[in-house]
Amino acid sequence: MRAVPDIENTPREVPFAEVGDFDQLEERVSAVMTIFGSVIGVNDGYVEWCPDDDAPTEQERLAWIWLCNPSLDGEILSRAEEWFRDLVVAYRAGEMRRWWDEGGR
């Protein structure tokens, strides 16, 4: 993903080779699951978005997109609600320890 896709074009599976900042994927998965619950599957060679609702929230969709491609944070921040924005900003600033210490929200 080079840009935030619209809802109809948001993939449900992304191969590891297409995941940005792959070395930090586990931390992003943990953070997103802290906020949204078990909506991410890490499988053999790919990550999967498994939303609980038939119509997932826009924040959940944005979190999935950010998880797969954190470099899209500039586009995502303008659409993120405060609690999700805090996560994205902490990640960008290398302050995930602070984010976790503050309760992951």
N, C-alpha and C. Protein backbone atom coordinates (compact mmCIF):
# COMPACT_ATOMS: atom_id res chain seq x y z
N MET A 1 0.84 -1.18 0.00
CA MET A 1 0.00 0.00 0.00
C MET A 1 0.89 1.25 0.00
N ARG A 2 0.64 2.06 -0.96
CA ARG A 2 1.40 3.31 -1.06
C ARG A 2 0.58 4.50 -0.56
N ALA A 3 -0.70 4.27 -0.40
CA ALA A 3 -1.61 5.30 0.11
C ALA A 3 -2.72 4.57 0.87
N VAL A 4 -3.45 5.31 1.67
CA VAL A 4 -4.55 4.71 2.41
C VAL A 4 -5.65 4.36 1.41
N PRO A 5 -5.96 3.07 1.26
CA PRO A 5 -6.99 2.68 0.31
C PRO A 5 -8.39 2.98 0.84
N ASP A 6 -9.34 3.07 -0.06
CA ASP A 6 -10.72 3.22 0.39
C ASP A 6 -11.18 1.87 0.96
N ILE A 7 -12.33 1.86 1.57
CA ILE A 7 -12.79 0.66 2.27
C ILE A 7 -12.94 -0.54 1.34
N GLU A 8 -13.39 -0.31 0.12
CA GLU A 8 -13.59 -1.41 -0.82
C GLU A 8 -12.27 -2.05 -1.26
N ASN A 9 -11.19 -1.30 -1.19
CA ASN A 9 -9.89 -1.79 -1.64
C ASN A 9 -8.92 -2.10 -0.51
N THR A 10 -9.42 -2.11 0.71
CA THR A 10 -8.57 -2.45 1.86
C THR A 10 -8.39 -3.96 1.89
N PRO A 11 -7.14 -4.42 1.77
CA PRO A 11 -6.91 -5.87 1.75
C PRO A 11 -7.17 -6.49 3.11
N ARG A 12 -7.55 -7.75 3.11
CA ARG A 12 -7.74 -8.50 4.36
C ARG A 12 -6.50 -9.30 4.71
N GLU A 13 -5.63 -9.53 3.73
CA GLU A 13 -4.37 -10.25 3.94
C GLU A 13 -3.24 -9.47 3.29
N VAL A 14 -2.10 -9.41 3.98
CA VAL A 14 -0.92 -8.74 3.44
C VAL A 14 0.28 -9.64 3.67
N PRO A 15 1.00 -10.01 2.60
CA PRO A 15 2.19 -10.84 2.76
C PRO A 15 3.26 -10.11 3.57
N PHE A 16 4.04 -10.88 4.33
CA PHE A 16 5.12 -10.29 5.12
C PHE A 16 6.01 -9.39 4.27
N ALA A 17 6.27 -9.78 3.03
CA ALA A 17 7.15 -9.01 2.16
C ALA A 17 6.63 -7.60 1.89
N GLU A 18 5.32 -7.38 2.08
CA GLU A 18 4.73 -6.07 1.83
C GLU A 18 4.47 -5.28 3.11
N VAL A 19 4.82 -5.84 4.26
CA VAL A 19 4.61 -5.17 5.54
C VAL A 19 5.78 -4.22 5.78
N GLY A 20 5.46 -2.95 5.99
CA GLY A 20 6.49 -1.97 6.27
C GLY A 20 7.02 -2.12 7.69
N ASP A 21 8.29 -1.75 7.87
CA ASP A 21 8.92 -1.79 9.20
C ASP A 21 8.67 -3.15 9.87
N PHE A 22 8.95 -4.21 9.11
CA PHE A 22 8.62 -5.57 9.53
C PHE A 22 9.23 -5.95 10.88
N ASP A 23 10.42 -5.43 11.18
CA ASP A 23 11.08 -5.78 12.45
C ASP A 23 10.28 -5.35 13.66
N GLN A 24 9.39 -4.40 13.50
CA GLN A 24 8.56 -3.91 14.62
C GLN A 24 7.11 -4.37 14.52
N LEU A 25 6.84 -5.32 13.63
CA LEU A 25 5.46 -5.78 13.43
C LEU A 25 4.85 -6.33 14.71
N GLU A 26 5.58 -7.12 15.45
CA GLU A 26 5.03 -7.73 16.66
C GLU A 26 4.54 -6.68 17.65
N GLU A 27 5.30 -5.61 17.80
CA GLU A 27 4.87 -4.55 18.72
C GLU A 27 3.60 -3.86 18.23
N ARG A 28 3.52 -3.62 16.93
CA ARG A 28 2.31 -2.98 16.38
C ARG A 28 1.11 -3.90 16.52
N VAL A 29 1.30 -5.19 16.26
CA VAL A 29 0.21 -6.15 16.42
C VAL A 29 -0.28 -6.14 17.86
N SER A 30 0.63 -6.18 18.82
CA SER A 30 0.25 -6.16 20.24
C SER A 30 -0.52 -4.90 20.58
N ALA A 31 -0.05 -3.77 20.09
CA ALA A 31 -0.71 -2.50 20.40
C ALA A 31 -2.11 -2.44 19.80
N VAL A 32 -2.25 -2.83 18.53
CA VAL A 32 -3.56 -2.80 17.88
C VAL A 32 -4.52 -3.78 18.57
N MET A 33 -4.02 -4.94 18.96
CA MET A 33 -4.88 -5.91 19.64
C MET A 33 -5.26 -5.43 21.04
N THR A 34 -4.42 -4.64 21.67
CA THR A 34 -4.76 -4.05 22.97
C THR A 34 -5.97 -3.13 22.83
N ILE A 35 -6.01 -2.40 21.75
CA ILE A 35 -7.10 -1.45 21.52
C ILE A 35 -8.36 -2.13 20.98
N PHE A 36 -8.20 -3.01 20.00
CA PHE A 36 -9.34 -3.56 19.27
C PHE A 36 -9.67 -5.02 19.57
N GLY A 37 -8.85 -5.70 20.33
CA GLY A 37 -9.07 -7.11 20.57
C GLY A 37 -8.40 -7.95 19.49
N SER A 38 -8.77 -9.20 19.42
CA SER A 38 -8.12 -10.16 18.51
C SER A 38 -8.63 -10.01 17.08
N VAL A 39 -8.21 -8.95 16.43
CA VAL A 39 -8.65 -8.70 15.06
C VAL A 39 -7.53 -8.90 14.04
N ILE A 40 -6.35 -9.29 14.52
CA ILE A 40 -5.20 -9.50 13.65
C ILE A 40 -4.74 -10.94 13.78
N GLY A 41 -4.52 -11.57 12.67
CA GLY A 41 -3.95 -12.90 12.65
C GLY A 41 -2.56 -12.85 12.03
N VAL A 42 -1.60 -13.47 12.70
CA VAL A 42 -0.26 -13.57 12.14
C VAL A 42 -0.10 -15.02 11.71
N ASN A 43 0.00 -15.22 10.41
CA ASN A 43 0.02 -16.56 9.83
C ASN A 43 1.37 -16.84 9.19
N ASP A 44 1.48 -17.95 8.54
CA ASP A 44 2.71 -18.35 7.88
C ASP A 44 2.90 -17.52 6.61
N GLY A 45 3.67 -16.45 6.72
CA GLY A 45 3.98 -15.63 5.56
C GLY A 45 3.10 -14.43 5.33
N TYR A 46 2.08 -14.22 6.15
CA TYR A 46 1.21 -13.06 5.96
C TYR A 46 0.49 -12.69 7.25
N VAL A 47 0.00 -11.46 7.29
CA VAL A 47 -0.87 -11.01 8.38
C VAL A 47 -2.28 -10.88 7.81
N GLU A 48 -3.25 -11.08 8.68
CA GLU A 48 -4.64 -11.09 8.25
C GLU A 48 -5.46 -10.20 9.16
N TRP A 49 -6.36 -9.45 8.56
CA TRP A 49 -7.29 -8.61 9.31
C TRP A 49 -8.59 -9.39 9.44
N CYS A 50 -8.99 -9.62 10.68
CA CYS A 50 -10.18 -10.41 10.99
C CYS A 50 -11.11 -9.59 11.88
N PRO A 51 -11.75 -8.56 11.32
CA PRO A 51 -12.61 -7.71 12.16
C PRO A 51 -13.78 -8.50 12.74
N ASP A 52 -14.16 -8.11 13.96
CA ASP A 52 -15.26 -8.77 14.66
C ASP A 52 -16.61 -8.45 14.04
N ASP A 53 -16.72 -7.28 13.46
CA ASP A 53 -18.00 -6.82 12.91
C ASP A 53 -18.00 -6.95 11.39
N ASP A 54 -19.17 -7.18 10.81
CA ASP A 54 -19.29 -7.23 9.35
C ASP A 54 -18.87 -5.90 8.74
N ALA A 55 -19.21 -4.83 9.41
CA ALA A 55 -18.81 -3.50 8.98
C ALA A 55 -17.86 -2.94 10.04
N PRO A 56 -16.56 -3.17 9.89
CA PRO A 56 -15.61 -2.67 10.90
C PRO A 56 -15.63 -1.15 10.96
N THR A 57 -15.22 -0.63 12.10
CA THR A 57 -15.17 0.83 12.25
C THR A 57 -14.04 1.39 11.40
N GLU A 58 -14.14 2.66 11.09
CA GLU A 58 -13.10 3.33 10.33
C GLU A 58 -11.79 3.34 11.12
N GLN A 59 -11.85 3.49 12.43
CA GLN A 59 -10.63 3.49 13.24
C GLN A 59 -9.94 2.13 13.20
N GLU A 60 -10.73 1.06 13.23
CA GLU A 60 -10.17 -0.28 13.14
C GLU A 60 -9.50 -0.48 11.78
N ARG A 61 -10.13 -0.02 10.73
CA ARG A 61 -9.56 -0.15 9.39
C ARG A 61 -8.27 0.65 9.27
N LEU A 62 -8.26 1.86 9.80
CA LEU A 62 -7.05 2.68 9.78
C LEU A 62 -5.92 2.04 10.58
N ALA A 63 -6.27 1.42 11.71
CA ALA A 63 -5.25 0.74 12.51
C ALA A 63 -4.65 -0.43 11.74
N TRP A 64 -5.47 -1.16 11.01
CA TRP A 64 -4.98 -2.26 10.18
C TRP A 64 -4.03 -1.74 9.11
N ILE A 65 -4.42 -0.67 8.45
CA ILE A 65 -3.57 -0.10 7.40
C ILE A 65 -2.25 0.37 8.00
N TRP A 66 -2.32 1.04 9.15
CA TRP A 66 -1.10 1.52 9.82
C TRP A 66 -0.22 0.35 10.24
N LEU A 67 -0.83 -0.71 10.76
CA LEU A 67 -0.08 -1.89 11.17
C LEU A 67 0.73 -2.43 10.00
N CYS A 68 0.13 -2.48 8.83
CA CYS A 68 0.80 -3.02 7.64
C CYS A 68 1.79 -2.04 7.03
N ASN A 69 1.51 -0.76 7.16
CA ASN A 69 2.38 0.24 6.55
C ASN A 69 2.45 1.49 7.42
N PRO A 70 3.28 1.45 8.47
CA PRO A 70 3.35 2.60 9.38
C PRO A 70 3.84 3.89 8.73
N SER A 71 4.44 3.79 7.55
CA SER A 71 4.88 5.01 6.87
C SER A 71 3.71 5.84 6.34
N LEU A 72 2.51 5.28 6.39
CA LEU A 72 1.32 6.04 5.99
C LEU A 72 0.76 6.86 7.16
N ASP A 73 1.53 6.97 8.22
CA ASP A 73 1.04 7.64 9.42
C ASP A 73 0.61 9.08 9.17
N GLY A 74 1.25 9.77 8.25
CA GLY A 74 0.86 11.14 7.95
C GLY A 74 -0.57 11.23 7.45
N GLU A 75 -0.96 10.32 6.58
CA GLU A 75 -2.33 10.28 6.07
C GLU A 75 -3.31 9.81 7.15
N ILE A 76 -2.85 8.89 7.97
CA ILE A 76 -3.72 8.30 8.98
C ILE A 76 -3.97 9.24 10.15
N LEU A 77 -2.95 9.99 10.55
CA LEU A 77 -3.08 10.87 11.72
C LEU A 77 -4.23 11.85 11.59
N SER A 78 -4.42 12.40 10.42
CA SER A 78 -5.49 13.39 10.25
C SER A 78 -6.88 12.78 10.40
N ARG A 79 -6.98 11.46 10.30
CA ARG A 79 -8.27 10.78 10.39
C ARG A 79 -8.42 9.99 11.69
N ALA A 80 -7.35 9.91 12.47
CA ALA A 80 -7.36 9.08 13.68
C ALA A 80 -7.97 9.83 14.86
N GLU A 81 -8.72 9.09 15.66
CA GLU A 81 -9.24 9.64 16.90
C GLU A 81 -8.09 9.73 17.90
N GLU A 82 -8.26 10.54 18.93
CA GLU A 82 -7.16 10.87 19.84
C GLU A 82 -6.44 9.65 20.41
N TRP A 83 -7.17 8.66 20.88
CA TRP A 83 -6.55 7.50 21.50
C TRP A 83 -5.72 6.70 20.51
N PHE A 84 -6.14 6.62 19.27
CA PHE A 84 -5.37 5.94 18.24
C PHE A 84 -4.21 6.83 17.78
N ARG A 85 -4.46 8.12 17.68
CA ARG A 85 -3.41 9.07 17.31
C ARG A 85 -2.25 9.00 18.30
N ASP A 86 -2.55 8.84 19.59
CA ASP A 86 -1.49 8.73 20.60
C ASP A 86 -0.56 7.56 20.30
N LEU A 87 -1.12 6.44 19.88
CA LEU A 87 -0.32 5.28 19.53
C LEU A 87 0.57 5.58 18.33
N VAL A 88 -0.01 6.13 17.28
CA VAL A 88 0.75 6.40 16.06
C VAL A 88 1.87 7.40 16.34
N VAL A 89 1.59 8.43 17.10
CA VAL A 89 2.61 9.43 17.43
C VAL A 89 3.71 8.81 18.29
N ALA A 90 3.34 8.00 19.27
CA ALA A 90 4.34 7.34 20.13
C ALA A 90 5.24 6.43 19.29
N TYR A 91 4.66 5.70 18.38
CA TYR A 91 5.44 4.81 17.52
C TYR A 91 6.40 5.61 16.66
N ARG A 92 5.90 6.65 16.05
CA ARG A 92 6.72 7.50 15.18
C ARG A 92 7.89 8.10 15.95
N ALA A 93 7.66 8.49 17.19
CA ALA A 93 8.68 9.14 18.02
C ALA A 93 9.60 8.15 18.73
N GLY A 94 9.35 6.86 18.56
CA GLY A 94 10.15 5.86 19.27
C GLY A 94 9.86 5.84 20.75
N GLU A 95 8.61 6.17 21.12
CA GLU A 95 8.21 6.25 22.53
C GLU A 95 7.16 5.22 22.90
N MET A 96 7.30 4.03 22.34
CA MET A 96 6.31 2.99 22.64
C MET A 96 6.36 2.57 24.11
N ARG A 97 7.51 2.61 24.74
CA ARG A 97 7.58 2.28 26.17
C ARG A 97 6.66 3.20 26.97
N ARG A 98 6.70 4.50 26.65
CA ARG A 98 5.82 5.45 27.33
C ARG A 98 4.36 5.11 27.07
N TRP A 99 4.03 4.80 25.81
CA TRP A 99 2.65 4.47 25.46
C TRP A 99 2.18 3.27 26.26
N TRP A 100 3.01 2.24 26.35
CA TRP A 100 2.64 1.05 27.13
C TRP A 100 2.53 1.39 28.61
N ASP A 101 3.48 2.19 29.13
CA ASP A 101 3.46 2.56 30.54
C ASP A 101 2.22 3.36 30.91
N GLU A 102 1.69 4.10 29.95
CA GLU A 102 0.47 4.88 30.19
C GLU A 102 -0.80 4.05 30.02
N GLY A 103 -0.63 2.78 29.88
CA GLY A 103 -1.79 1.90 29.82
C GLY A 103 -2.20 1.48 28.42
N GLY A 104 -1.36 1.77 27.45
CA GLY A 104 -1.67 1.34 26.09
C GLY A 104 -2.87 2.02 25.49
N ARG A 105 -3.15 3.23 25.96
CA ARG A 105 -4.25 4.00 25.38
C ARG A 105 -4.02 5.45 25.56
